[in-house]
Amino acid sequence: MAVIRGLRIVAFVLLLLPVAGCAYRPGSEVLTPIANVPMSTDKVRILVATTRERGSQQDPNAFTAERAKNLNFAALTISIPTQHVVGNIEWPDTTPPDPARHFITTERDFLDTDGFLNQIRARARKGGPEANDVLVFVHGYNTLYEEAVYWLAQIVHDSGFKGTAVLFAWPSRGKAPLYLADREASTYSRDYFEQALLKMSKLPEVKEINILAHSMGNWLAVETMRQAKMNGHGDFNGKLADVILASPDLDVNVFRTQLDVIGKLPRPMTILVSGDDKALELSTMLAGDVDRAGRVTANDARAIAAAERYNLRVVDLTGVDDGKGNHHSKYSKSAAVIEAIGKGLKGAPSGPQTEVGVVTAVTSAGENLMKVPAAIIPPAAASQ
């Protein structure tokens, strides 16, 4: 049986290798700024706080997969192509890249701590929609730094978020077989993530800090919230707002103990799950068949009980076809879901409360177990 199980895992890893992260794996050159990009393209400003070590003297604004002993900071501006399709990252496939067809880096700067915080202040003082809001994205396993930057740019653009976007980049090795190495690297980053959140929360210009974590990034995010609660500042100066855990690669039993410490947040913590997530299916096998939180679907009694006990909103995306193979990134690859996330961050309703047969949300037990509410996915978008 052990041999058969081992062969199953090897076969599954080989199956996932072509689709882990993305099919195209970019090099650091995609973050080299390109001049003369037309003003007509949409631009997304990204701030970075990272536990990645800085690059070489030849490219000091790059970051490696080594672990830094202090937080590093950066700022980038990404041009979104005029022919962009929601849910996609259009990687450059020509030199020079085409602004109509490709994501392009137009600015990149290394920052110190004050420079990082001053950019958040500057965005707040500029005014406009969500000027005082911060969205922090924590990427997942097997993610290159370049992928994380462009991924957040895509999320910000497609969701319509207008506040300050911050990438917390931990030193993933960006290689599918190095799952355990990535797990250790994410754990290494807990104290630094807590420091980054505290720094931002102390800015009077910041009113809300929202967290969006994906896959293994949920381990880092939830562990950080747990230790922050134990350290006496779990609400981050009253500014912790929406927390969205997408495809959480978390042992379901460990997650329960983490939530026991964190307690109920002022706003429901949103958990995006999917029963057809093949990446988490592999993670489940590697963990001795212990369920991952991201695969506990909303009709599971454990999800219903947890929603009531911990003030969770569990959103089951199993029925949403993102067309992306392993179904591990539906939160950013489905146009309907990314739009709903954006509306949720704005505090806006996403549609009438009607059943469309695609998504299940749990806001509490009993009568509030709603089959497929359009508050998450509007009926017209169900097939997207």
Protein backbone atom coordinates (compact mmCIF):
# COMPACT_ATOMS: atom_id res chain seq x y z
CA MET A 1 0.00 0.00 0.00
CA ALA A 2 2.83 2.40 0.82
CA VAL A 3 4.39 1.80 -2.60
CA ILE A 4 1.06 2.39 -4.33
CA ARG A 5 0.53 5.57 -2.34
CA GLY A 6 4.02 6.79 -3.22
CA LEU A 7 3.39 6.17 -6.90
CA ARG A 8 0.11 8.06 -6.70
CA ILE A 9 1.84 11.07 -5.20
CA VAL A 10 4.64 11.02 -7.78
CA ALA A 11 2.12 10.77 -10.59
CA PHE A 12 0.09 13.60 -9.15
CA VAL A 13 3.14 15.84 -8.77
CA LEU A 14 4.04 15.19 -12.41
CA LEU A 15 0.49 16.03 -13.39
CA LEU A 16 0.61 19.36 -11.58
CA LEU A 17 4.08 20.46 -12.63
CA PRO A 18 3.00 22.03 -15.95
CA VAL A 19 0.18 23.99 -14.31
CA ALA A 20 1.71 24.95 -10.96
CA GLY A 21 1.91 28.74 -10.75
CA CYS A 22 1.56 29.46 -14.47
CA ALA A 23 2.69 27.72 -17.66
CA TYR A 24 5.08 30.54 -18.51
CA ARG A 25 7.71 31.18 -15.85
CA PRO A 26 9.10 34.71 -16.23
CA GLY A 27 12.63 35.85 -15.55
CA SER A 28 13.63 38.93 -13.58
CA GLU A 29 13.87 40.88 -16.85
CA VAL A 30 10.10 41.42 -16.84
CA LEU A 31 10.58 43.80 -13.90
CA THR A 32 13.15 45.92 -15.74
CA PRO A 33 11.36 49.24 -16.39
CA ILE A 34 10.44 50.02 -19.98
CA ALA A 35 10.28 53.65 -21.04
CA ASN A 36 7.81 55.21 -23.47
CA VAL A 37 4.77 53.17 -22.51
CA PRO A 38 1.69 55.09 -23.71
CA MET A 39 -0.19 57.10 -21.11
CA SER A 40 -3.41 55.56 -22.43
CA THR A 41 -2.81 52.19 -20.72
CA ASP A 42 -4.06 51.62 -17.18
CA LYS A 43 -1.28 51.74 -14.58
CA VAL A 44 -1.23 49.90 -11.26
CA ARG A 45 1.06 51.03 -8.45
CA ILE A 46 2.36 48.23 -6.23
CA LEU A 47 4.26 48.59 -2.96
CA VAL A 48 6.28 45.64 -1.72
CA ALA A 49 7.29 44.53 1.77
CA THR A 50 9.39 41.40 1.57
CA THR A 51 11.53 38.92 3.46
CA ARG A 52 13.40 38.20 0.25
CA GLU A 53 17.03 39.25 0.15
CA ARG A 54 18.08 42.01 -2.21
CA GLY A 55 19.71 41.18 -5.52
CA SER A 56 23.18 41.80 -6.85
CA GLN A 57 25.02 45.09 -7.30
CA GLN A 58 24.16 44.82 -11.00
CA ASP A 59 20.45 44.69 -10.21
CA PRO A 60 19.98 45.97 -6.64
CA ASN A 61 16.23 46.44 -7.03
CA ALA A 62 15.68 42.73 -7.71
CA PHE A 63 14.92 40.24 -4.95
CA THR A 64 16.18 36.68 -4.64
CA ALA A 65 14.74 33.56 -3.00
CA GLU A 66 17.13 33.91 -0.05
CA ARG A 67 15.82 34.94 3.37
CA ALA A 68 16.53 38.49 4.45
CA LYS A 69 17.21 39.32 8.10
CA ASN A 70 15.28 42.58 7.82
CA LEU A 71 12.24 43.71 5.90
CA ASN A 72 13.00 45.09 2.45
CA PHE A 73 10.73 47.43 0.54
CA ALA A 74 10.10 48.41 -3.06
CA ALA A 75 7.63 50.16 -5.34
CA LEU A 76 6.66 49.25 -8.90
CA THR A 77 4.26 50.54 -11.52
CA ILE A 78 2.76 48.02 -13.93
CA SER A 79 1.09 48.89 -17.22
CA ILE A 80 -1.99 46.81 -18.05
CA PRO A 81 -2.44 46.05 -21.76
CA THR A 82 -5.35 47.63 -23.59
CA GLN A 83 -6.35 44.15 -24.81
CA HIS A 84 -6.28 42.67 -21.30
CA VAL A 85 -8.71 39.85 -20.52
CA VAL A 86 -10.00 39.78 -16.94
CA GLY A 87 -8.43 36.91 -15.00
CA ASN A 88 -5.34 36.70 -17.21
CA ILE A 89 -1.75 37.91 -16.99
CA GLU A 90 -0.55 38.69 -20.49
CA TRP A 91 3.17 37.95 -20.18
CA PRO A 92 5.55 39.60 -22.66
CA ASP A 93 6.47 37.31 -25.54
CA THR A 94 8.21 39.90 -27.72
CA THR A 95 11.14 42.28 -27.28
CA PRO A 96 10.26 45.03 -26.71
CA PRO A 97 6.88 44.12 -25.21
CA ASP A 98 3.69 45.45 -26.78
CA PRO A 99 1.68 47.81 -24.49
CA ALA A 100 -1.50 46.69 -26.24
CA ARG A 101 -0.88 43.01 -25.49
CA HIS A 102 1.49 42.71 -22.51
CA PHE A 103 1.88 43.59 -18.86
CA ILE A 104 4.89 45.94 -18.68
CA THR A 105 6.88 47.30 -15.74
CA THR A 106 7.27 51.05 -16.14
CA GLU A 107 8.81 51.97 -12.77
CA ARG A 108 10.74 50.11 -10.09
CA ASP A 109 12.47 51.53 -7.03
CA PHE A 110 14.02 50.16 -3.87
CA LEU A 111 12.63 51.88 -0.74
CA ASP A 112 13.64 52.18 2.87
CA THR A 113 11.05 51.91 5.65
CA ASP A 114 10.25 55.63 5.66
CA GLY A 115 9.94 55.69 1.89
CA PHE A 116 7.50 52.78 1.99
CA LEU A 117 5.32 54.43 4.64
CA ASN A 118 5.50 57.82 2.94
CA GLN A 119 4.10 56.33 -0.25
CA ILE A 120 1.10 55.03 1.70
CA ARG A 121 0.65 58.49 3.21
CA ALA A 122 0.90 60.10 -0.20
CA ARG A 123 -1.82 57.86 -1.64
CA ALA A 124 -4.09 58.65 1.30
CA ARG A 125 -3.54 62.41 0.97
CA LYS A 126 -4.28 62.26 -2.74
CA GLY A 127 -7.88 61.43 -1.91
CA GLY A 128 -10.42 59.65 -4.04
CA PRO A 129 -12.00 56.19 -3.70
CA GLU A 130 -10.51 53.97 -0.98
CA ALA A 131 -7.73 56.49 -0.39
CA ASN A 132 -7.30 55.38 3.21
CA ASP A 133 -7.56 51.65 2.53
CA VAL A 134 -4.69 49.18 2.17
CA LEU A 135 -4.96 45.78 0.50
CA VAL A 136 -2.16 43.38 1.44
CA PHE A 137 -1.70 40.35 -0.80
CA VAL A 138 0.19 37.28 0.48
CA HIS A 139 1.09 34.94 -2.38
CA GLY A 140 1.24 31.16 -2.22
CA TYR A 141 3.63 28.28 -2.75
CA ASN A 142 5.78 27.88 -5.88
CA THR A 143 5.58 31.56 -6.75
CA LEU A 144 8.40 33.60 -8.23
CA TYR A 145 8.77 37.20 -7.11
CA GLU A 146 8.00 38.40 -10.63
CA GLU A 147 4.84 36.31 -10.72
CA ALA A 148 3.67 37.71 -7.38
CA VAL A 149 4.12 41.31 -8.55
CA TYR A 150 2.18 40.83 -11.77
CA TRP A 151 -0.43 38.69 -10.03
CA LEU A 152 -1.22 41.48 -7.60
CA ALA A 153 -1.29 44.01 -10.43
CA GLN A 154 -3.86 41.83 -12.18
CA ILE A 155 -5.94 41.43 -9.01
CA VAL A 156 -5.94 45.16 -8.30
CA HIS A 157 -6.87 46.07 -11.85
CA ASP A 158 -9.55 43.42 -12.29
CA SER A 159 -11.15 43.98 -8.89
CA GLY A 160 -11.20 47.75 -9.29
CA PHE A 161 -9.46 48.37 -5.97
CA LYS A 162 -8.30 52.02 -5.79
CA GLY A 163 -6.46 52.17 -2.47
CA THR A 164 -2.87 51.22 -1.64
CA ALA A 165 -1.88 47.76 -2.88
CA VAL A 166 0.89 46.05 -0.92
CA LEU A 167 2.52 42.76 -1.84
CA PHE A 168 4.00 40.83 1.06
CA ALA A 169 6.53 38.67 -0.77
CA TRP A 170 8.02 35.82 1.22
CA PRO A 171 10.97 33.84 -0.21
CA SER A 172 9.23 31.04 -2.08
CA ARG A 173 11.73 29.03 -4.10
CA GLY A 174 9.37 29.02 -7.05
CA LYS A 175 9.89 25.31 -7.74
CA ALA A 176 7.10 22.74 -7.52
CA PRO A 177 9.12 19.98 -5.75
CA LEU A 178 10.25 22.34 -2.97
CA TYR A 179 6.99 22.33 -1.04
CA LEU A 180 8.61 21.82 2.36
CA ALA A 181 11.22 24.51 1.68
CA ASP A 182 8.44 26.95 0.89
CA ARG A 183 6.55 25.95 4.01
CA GLU A 184 9.59 26.77 6.13
CA ALA A 185 10.15 30.05 4.29
CA SER A 186 6.58 31.15 4.92
CA THR A 187 6.88 30.26 8.61
CA TYR A 188 10.16 32.21 8.76
CA SER A 189 8.28 35.31 7.60
CA ARG A 190 5.64 35.48 10.37
CA ASP A 191 7.36 38.01 12.62
CA TYR A 192 8.24 40.20 9.65
CA PHE A 193 4.67 40.19 8.35
CA GLU A 194 3.44 41.20 11.79
CA GLN A 195 5.97 44.04 11.82
CA ALA A 196 4.85 45.24 8.39
CA LEU A 197 1.18 45.25 9.40
CA LEU A 198 1.96 47.10 12.62
CA LYS A 199 3.96 49.76 10.77
CA MET A 200 1.06 50.40 8.41
CA SER A 201 -1.53 50.34 11.19
CA LYS A 202 0.26 53.10 13.06
CA LEU A 203 -0.17 55.55 10.18
CA PRO A 204 -3.03 57.93 11.01
CA GLU A 205 -3.82 58.19 7.30
CA VAL A 206 -4.66 54.47 7.12
CA LYS A 207 -8.22 53.58 8.11
CA GLU A 208 -8.46 49.97 6.95
CA ILE A 209 -6.04 47.13 6.30
CA ASN A 210 -7.46 44.27 4.24
CA ILE A 211 -5.64 40.97 3.76
CA LEU A 212 -5.97 38.66 0.75
CA ALA A 213 -3.94 35.46 1.06
CA HIS A 214 -3.64 32.56 -1.36
CA SER A 215 -2.73 28.90 -0.87
CA MET A 216 0.30 28.51 1.43
CA GLY A 217 0.21 32.25 1.99
CA ASN A 218 -2.74 31.53 4.25
CA TRP A 219 -0.45 29.67 6.65
CA LEU A 220 1.65 32.82 6.94
CA ALA A 221 -1.35 35.14 7.21
CA VAL A 222 -3.29 33.11 9.79
CA GLU A 223 -0.22 32.32 11.89
CA THR A 224 0.60 36.04 11.92
CA MET A 225 -2.92 36.95 13.04
CA ARG A 226 -2.71 34.28 15.73
CA GLN A 227 0.56 35.54 17.17
CA ALA A 228 -0.58 39.16 16.88
CA LYS A 229 -3.60 38.28 19.02
CA MET A 230 -1.31 36.62 21.55
CA ASN A 231 0.90 39.72 21.49
CA GLY A 232 -2.05 41.95 22.36
CA HIS A 233 -2.60 43.71 19.04
CA GLY A 234 -4.69 41.29 17.01
CA ASP A 235 -6.86 44.09 15.62
CA PHE A 236 -3.79 46.06 14.47
CA ASN A 237 -4.85 49.27 16.16
CA GLY A 238 -8.46 48.68 15.18
CA LYS A 239 -7.66 48.78 11.47
CA LEU A 240 -7.87 45.12 10.47
CA ALA A 241 -10.85 44.94 8.12
CA ASP A 242 -11.61 42.26 5.52
CA VAL A 243 -9.59 39.04 5.61
CA ILE A 244 -10.00 36.81 2.56
CA LEU A 245 -8.39 33.36 2.60
CA ALA A 246 -8.37 31.95 -0.94
CA SER A 247 -7.75 28.22 -1.37
CA PRO A 248 -6.20 27.96 2.10
CA ASP A 249 -3.52 25.26 2.29
CA LEU A 250 -4.15 24.75 5.98
CA ASP A 251 -4.57 21.56 7.96
CA VAL A 252 -8.25 21.80 8.88
CA ASN A 253 -7.57 20.81 12.51
CA VAL A 254 -4.68 23.26 12.87
CA PHE A 255 -6.88 25.96 11.37
CA ARG A 256 -9.46 25.32 14.07
CA THR A 257 -6.86 25.81 16.81
CA GLN A 258 -5.64 29.01 15.12
CA LEU A 259 -9.18 30.36 15.01
CA ASP A 260 -9.64 29.48 18.68
CA VAL A 261 -6.89 31.99 19.47
CA ILE A 262 -7.82 34.63 16.87
CA GLY A 263 -11.48 34.60 17.84
CA LYS A 264 -14.26 36.37 15.98
CA LEU A 265 -13.15 39.33 13.90
CA PRO A 266 -15.33 42.47 13.60
CA ARG A 267 -16.05 41.48 9.99
CA PRO A 268 -16.60 37.90 8.89
CA MET A 269 -13.43 36.25 7.67
CA THR A 270 -14.08 35.01 4.12
CA ILE A 271 -12.87 31.52 3.17
CA LEU A 272 -12.90 30.67 -0.54
CA VAL A 273 -13.01 26.89 -0.98
CA SER A 274 -13.33 24.52 -3.93
CA GLY A 275 -13.88 20.78 -3.90
CA ASP A 276 -12.11 20.35 -7.26
CA ASP A 277 -8.87 22.08 -6.21
CA LYS A 278 -6.24 19.65 -7.48
CA ALA A 279 -3.29 21.44 -5.88
CA LEU A 280 -4.92 21.05 -2.45
CA GLU A 281 -5.77 17.45 -3.30
CA LEU A 282 -2.05 16.83 -3.64
CA SER A 283 -1.34 18.75 -0.44
CA THR A 284 -3.92 16.60 1.34
CA MET A 285 -2.15 13.41 0.21
CA LEU A 286 1.23 14.77 1.26
CA ALA A 287 -0.23 15.56 4.69
CA GLY A 288 -1.38 11.98 5.30
CA ASP A 289 -4.89 12.54 3.95
CA VAL A 290 -5.69 15.24 6.52
CA ASP A 291 -8.18 17.61 4.89
CA ARG A 292 -7.02 21.06 3.86
CA ALA A 293 -9.33 23.91 4.82
CA GLY A 294 -9.62 24.98 1.18
CA ARG A 295 -11.34 21.71 0.24
CA VAL A 296 -13.91 21.59 3.05
CA THR A 297 -16.93 22.59 1.01
CA ALA A 298 -19.81 24.59 2.37
CA ASN A 299 -22.23 21.68 2.76
CA ASP A 300 -19.76 19.99 5.11
CA ALA A 301 -20.98 20.02 8.72
CA ARG A 302 -17.56 21.26 9.84
CA ALA A 303 -17.87 24.35 7.61
CA ILE A 304 -21.34 25.11 8.93
CA ALA A 305 -20.23 24.79 12.55
CA ALA A 306 -17.09 26.85 12.00
CA ALA A 307 -19.03 29.62 10.26
CA GLU A 308 -21.22 30.06 13.32
CA ARG A 309 -18.52 29.66 15.92
CA TYR A 310 -15.86 31.90 14.36
CA ASN A 311 -17.94 34.37 12.33
CA LEU A 312 -16.76 33.01 8.98
CA ARG A 313 -18.20 33.40 5.50
CA VAL A 314 -17.40 30.19 3.61
CA VAL A 315 -17.80 30.55 -0.15
CA ASP A 316 -17.79 27.33 -2.15
CA LEU A 317 -16.48 27.89 -5.68
CA THR A 318 -16.59 24.23 -6.75
CA GLY A 319 -19.15 24.98 -9.44
CA VAL A 320 -17.21 27.87 -10.92
CA ASP A 321 -15.23 26.84 -13.99
CA ASP A 322 -12.13 29.00 -14.22
CA GLY A 323 -10.73 27.01 -17.12
CA LYS A 324 -7.27 26.98 -15.50
CA GLY A 325 -6.54 23.29 -15.08
CA ASN A 326 -5.87 22.75 -11.39
CA HIS A 327 -8.64 25.08 -10.13
CA HIS A 328 -6.40 26.49 -7.42
CA SER A 329 -6.71 30.21 -8.24
CA LYS A 330 -10.39 30.77 -8.94
CA TYR A 331 -10.40 33.90 -6.77
CA SER A 332 -8.32 35.76 -9.36
CA LYS A 333 -8.97 33.82 -12.58
CA SER A 334 -12.77 33.91 -12.60
CA ALA A 335 -14.07 37.29 -13.74
CA ALA A 336 -17.17 36.91 -11.56
CA VAL A 337 -15.25 36.08 -8.41
CA ILE A 338 -12.62 38.83 -8.75
CA GLU A 339 -15.40 41.35 -9.38
CA ALA A 340 -17.23 40.16 -6.28
CA ILE A 341 -14.05 40.53 -4.20
CA GLY A 342 -13.63 44.08 -5.44
CA LYS A 343 -17.21 44.97 -4.59
CA GLY A 344 -16.81 43.36 -1.19
CA LEU A 345 -13.76 45.51 -0.42
CA LYS A 346 -15.80 48.57 -1.37
CA GLY A 347 -18.61 47.44 0.92
CA ALA A 348 -20.98 47.23 -2.05
CA PRO A 349 -23.53 44.45 -2.59
CA SER A 350 -22.76 42.10 -5.47
CA GLY A 351 -26.29 41.38 -6.62
CA PRO A 352 -29.73 40.16 -5.57
CA GLN A 353 -30.09 37.22 -3.21
CA THR A 354 -31.16 34.56 -5.70
CA GLU A 355 -29.99 31.00 -6.21
CA VAL A 356 -28.09 30.18 -9.38
CA GLY A 357 -26.60 26.77 -8.62
CA VAL A 358 -22.90 27.63 -8.66
CA VAL A 359 -21.70 28.84 -5.28
CA THR A 360 -22.62 28.09 -1.69
CA ALA A 361 -21.94 30.59 1.08
CA VAL A 362 -22.13 30.01 4.80
CA THR A 363 -22.64 33.05 6.98
CA SER A 364 -23.92 31.16 10.00
CA ALA A 365 -25.62 27.87 10.77
CA GLY A 366 -29.17 26.81 10.09
CA GLU A 367 -31.36 29.11 8.03
CA ASN A 368 -28.36 31.17 6.89
CA LEU A 369 -26.83 28.26 5.00
CA MET A 370 -27.69 29.67 1.59
CA LYS A 371 -27.30 27.65 -1.56
CA VAL A 372 -25.57 29.77 -4.15
CA PRO A 373 -26.36 33.35 -3.11
CA ALA A 374 -25.77 35.94 -5.81
CA ALA A 375 -24.17 38.16 -3.17
CA ILE A 376 -21.04 36.26 -4.18
CA ILE A 377 -21.65 35.38 -7.85
CA PRO A 378 -24.38 37.22 -9.80
CA PRO A 379 -26.54 34.88 -11.95
CA ALA A 380 -25.35 36.35 -15.27
CA ALA A 381 -21.76 35.49 -14.35
CA ALA A 382 -22.36 31.93 -13.22
CA SER A 383 -20.84 30.39 -16.33
CA GLN A 384 -17.67 32.48 -16.23
